[in-house]
């Protein structure tokens, strides 16, 4: 399974702290152990169920979010770092783990299409993601990002790193809410 995680997430290597790299990897392994989804499924299922006929896969969206978050954090460090400290490892780990709980929120129907599970209806992915991450020893600063990256986070005071991941996630999601933005050919 570890090899599958490395293939899915080459960006894990961007995390400079070896312990955090290990915790992020272990969280994904634990998620797959508890999920009906397999690693290859993430390269074919839609990243969201909120966009009908979503043309972007889970991994296309997630890897895009990680890249946007890292690039944004680096630009913020460059121009505002003297006043606004940013932990790049926390940003990268948080972006990689933000949707790990979807592995417990989604399930496949008999026809192979993905839909929300009963657990997913009761406990959306920020909640299950934090639970998985805590089991693997992921630091609170990263768990905060998982918890606060979606709408649930609108009720907490987000850290700088959580704001970065939240906005990266929505940058790679909100354009799909307008069907006129989506290329059909």
Protein backbone atom coordinates (compact mmCIF):
# COMPACT_ATOMS: atom_id res chain seq x y z
CA UNK A 1 0.00 0.00 0.00
CA UNK A 2 2.89 2.36 0.77
CA UNK A 3 3.99 2.16 -2.90
CA UNK A 4 0.45 3.05 -4.00
CA UNK A 5 0.47 6.10 -1.73
CA UNK A 6 3.82 7.22 -3.14
CA UNK A 7 2.46 6.87 -6.70
CA UNK A 8 -0.71 8.81 -5.84
CA UNK A 9 1.11 11.48 -3.84
CA UNK A 10 4.62 12.34 -5.09
CA UNK A 11 4.06 15.67 -3.30
CA UNK A 12 4.51 13.94 0.06
CA UNK A 13 8.24 14.22 -0.65
CA UNK A 14 7.89 18.02 -0.46
CA UNK A 15 7.35 17.68 3.30
CA UNK A 16 10.80 18.26 4.80
CA UNK A 17 10.01 16.77 8.24
CA UNK A 18 10.42 12.96 7.94
CA UNK A 19 8.09 12.27 10.86
CA UNK A 20 5.31 14.36 9.33
CA UNK A 21 5.88 12.68 5.95
CA UNK A 22 5.44 9.31 7.68
CA UNK A 23 2.29 10.45 9.53
CA UNK A 24 0.72 11.72 6.30
CA UNK A 25 1.51 8.44 4.54
CA UNK A 26 0.14 6.38 7.46
CA UNK A 27 -3.09 8.42 7.44
CA UNK A 28 -3.69 7.58 3.78
CA UNK A 29 -2.88 3.91 4.42
CA UNK A 30 -5.36 3.81 7.32
CA UNK A 31 -8.02 5.52 5.18
CA UNK A 32 -7.66 2.87 2.46
CA UNK A 33 -7.80 0.08 5.05
CA UNK A 34 -11.21 1.38 6.16
CA UNK A 35 -12.57 2.38 2.76
CA UNK A 36 -14.33 0.43 0.03
CA UNK A 37 -12.26 2.51 -2.42
CA UNK A 38 -8.94 1.34 -3.85
CA UNK A 39 -6.05 3.61 -4.88
CA UNK A 40 -6.87 3.33 -8.60
CA UNK A 41 -10.44 4.50 -7.90
CA UNK A 42 -9.12 7.95 -6.97
CA UNK A 43 -7.91 8.45 -10.54
CA UNK A 44 -11.40 7.88 -11.96
CA UNK A 45 -14.01 9.02 -9.43
CA UNK A 46 -15.14 12.67 -9.43
CA UNK A 47 -13.62 14.92 -6.80
CA UNK A 48 -17.05 16.12 -5.71
CA UNK A 49 -20.62 14.90 -5.77
CA UNK A 50 -21.84 18.51 -5.77
CA UNK A 51 -21.12 19.04 -9.49
CA UNK A 52 -23.27 16.92 -11.84
CA UNK A 53 -21.11 14.91 -14.25
CA UNK A 54 -17.97 16.36 -12.68
CA UNK A 55 -15.20 16.01 -15.31
CA UNK A 56 -12.26 16.21 -12.88
CA UNK A 57 -11.07 13.24 -10.86
CA UNK A 58 -10.37 13.16 -7.16
CA UNK A 59 -6.60 13.06 -7.70
CA UNK A 60 -6.57 15.78 -10.37
CA UNK A 61 -8.36 18.11 -7.97
CA UNK A 62 -6.37 17.12 -4.90
CA UNK A 63 -2.95 17.41 -6.52
CA UNK A 64 -3.96 20.77 -8.01
CA UNK A 65 -4.96 22.00 -4.53
CA UNK A 66 -1.60 20.93 -3.10
CA UNK A 67 0.27 22.78 -5.85
CA UNK A 68 -1.85 25.93 -5.48
CA UNK A 69 -1.42 25.87 -1.70
CA UNK A 70 2.35 25.40 -1.82
CA UNK A 71 2.84 28.08 -4.49
CA UNK A 72 0.59 30.50 -2.59
CA UNK A 73 2.42 29.87 0.69
CA UNK A 74 5.79 30.44 -0.99
CA UNK A 75 4.59 33.73 -2.53
CA UNK A 76 3.22 34.85 0.83
CA UNK A 77 6.51 33.95 2.52
CA UNK A 78 8.44 35.91 -0.10
CA UNK A 79 6.38 39.09 0.13
CA UNK A 80 4.92 39.00 3.64
CA UNK A 81 7.08 36.55 5.56
CA UNK A 82 8.59 39.13 7.89
CA UNK A 83 5.11 39.84 9.30
CA UNK A 84 3.25 36.61 8.61
CA UNK A 85 5.07 33.38 9.46
CA UNK A 86 3.98 30.35 7.45
CA UNK A 87 4.98 26.74 8.06
CA UNK A 88 5.29 25.24 4.58
CA UNK A 89 5.29 21.63 5.84
CA UNK A 90 1.99 22.29 7.61
CA UNK A 91 0.47 23.76 4.44
CA UNK A 92 1.60 20.84 2.27
CA UNK A 93 0.57 18.15 4.76
CA UNK A 94 -2.78 19.84 5.35
CA UNK A 95 -3.48 20.13 1.64
CA UNK A 96 -2.59 16.46 1.07
CA UNK A 97 -4.80 15.34 3.97
CA UNK A 98 -7.72 17.77 3.57
CA UNK A 99 -9.93 15.25 1.75
CA UNK A 100 -8.58 11.98 3.18
CA UNK A 101 -11.91 11.57 5.00
CA UNK A 102 -13.70 11.28 1.65
CA UNK A 103 -12.44 7.72 1.55
CA UNK A 104 -14.90 7.09 4.40
CA UNK A 105 -17.56 9.42 2.97
CA UNK A 106 -17.76 7.81 -0.48
CA UNK A 107 -18.70 4.33 -1.59
CA UNK A 108 -19.17 2.66 -4.95
CA UNK A 109 -22.56 1.51 -6.17
CA UNK A 110 -23.12 -1.77 -8.03
CA UNK A 111 -22.65 0.08 -11.33
CA UNK A 112 -19.28 1.47 -10.20
CA UNK A 113 -20.50 5.02 -9.67
CA UNK A 114 -19.57 6.83 -6.49
CA UNK A 115 -22.14 8.10 -4.00
CA UNK A 116 -22.20 9.34 -0.42
CA UNK A 117 -22.23 6.61 2.19
CA UNK A 118 -24.47 6.57 5.23
CA UNK A 119 -21.43 7.53 7.32
CA UNK A 120 -20.70 10.35 4.88
CA UNK A 121 -24.17 11.77 5.37
CA UNK A 122 -23.72 11.74 9.16
CA UNK A 123 -20.03 12.70 9.34
CA UNK A 124 -18.66 14.69 6.45
CA UNK A 125 -15.03 14.23 5.42
CA UNK A 126 -13.51 16.98 7.59
CA UNK A 127 -14.64 15.04 10.68
CA UNK A 128 -13.56 11.59 9.54
CA UNK A 129 -10.33 13.04 8.14
CA UNK A 130 -9.38 14.54 11.49
CA UNK A 131 -10.19 11.25 13.24
CA UNK A 132 -7.91 9.31 10.87
CA UNK A 133 -5.11 11.87 11.16
CA UNK A 134 -5.23 11.98 14.97
CA UNK A 135 -4.92 8.18 15.08
CA UNK A 136 -1.71 8.51 13.08
CA UNK A 137 -0.21 11.19 15.32
CA UNK A 138 -0.64 14.07 12.85
CA UNK A 139 0.02 17.38 14.64
CA UNK A 140 -2.90 19.57 15.69
CA UNK A 141 -1.85 22.35 13.28
CA UNK A 142 -2.37 19.98 10.34
CA UNK A 143 -5.58 18.50 11.81
CA UNK A 144 -6.85 22.08 12.11
CA UNK A 145 -6.46 22.45 8.34
CA UNK A 146 -8.38 19.22 7.70
CA UNK A 147 -11.16 20.40 10.02
CA UNK A 148 -11.28 23.96 8.68
CA UNK A 149 -10.75 23.52 4.92
CA UNK A 150 -14.45 23.17 4.04
CA UNK A 151 -17.57 25.10 5.06
CA UNK A 152 -17.41 23.56 8.53
CA UNK A 153 -14.35 25.71 9.11
CA UNK A 154 -16.28 28.94 8.66
CA UNK A 155 -17.11 28.81 12.36
CA UNK A 156 -13.51 28.67 13.63
CA UNK A 157 -10.57 31.07 13.57
CA UNK A 158 -8.43 29.62 10.80
CA UNK A 159 -4.65 29.65 11.04
CA UNK A 160 -2.74 31.26 8.18
CA UNK A 161 -1.94 27.80 6.84
CA UNK A 162 -5.63 26.82 7.03
CA UNK A 163 -6.65 29.95 5.11
CA UNK A 164 -4.18 29.05 2.38
CA UNK A 165 -5.47 25.48 1.99
CA UNK A 166 -9.12 26.58 2.29
CA UNK A 167 -8.74 29.10 -0.53
CA UNK A 168 -6.65 26.73 -2.68
CA UNK A 169 -9.40 24.11 -2.32
CA UNK A 170 -12.15 26.53 -3.27
CA UNK A 171 -10.14 27.93 -6.19
CA UNK A 172 -10.08 24.41 -7.62
CA UNK A 173 -13.78 23.80 -6.84
CA UNK A 174 -15.94 26.91 -7.24
CA UNK A 175 -15.42 27.42 -10.99
CA UNK A 176 -17.10 24.03 -11.53
CA UNK A 177 -20.27 25.28 -9.79
CA UNK A 178 -20.94 27.40 -12.91
CA UNK A 179 -21.65 24.96 -15.78
CA UNK A 180 -20.68 27.64 -18.32
CA UNK A 181 -17.08 27.41 -17.10
CA UNK A 182 -16.76 23.72 -17.96
CA UNK A 183 -15.37 22.67 -21.32
CA UNK A 184 -17.63 20.03 -22.81
CA UNK A 185 -15.48 19.01 -25.79
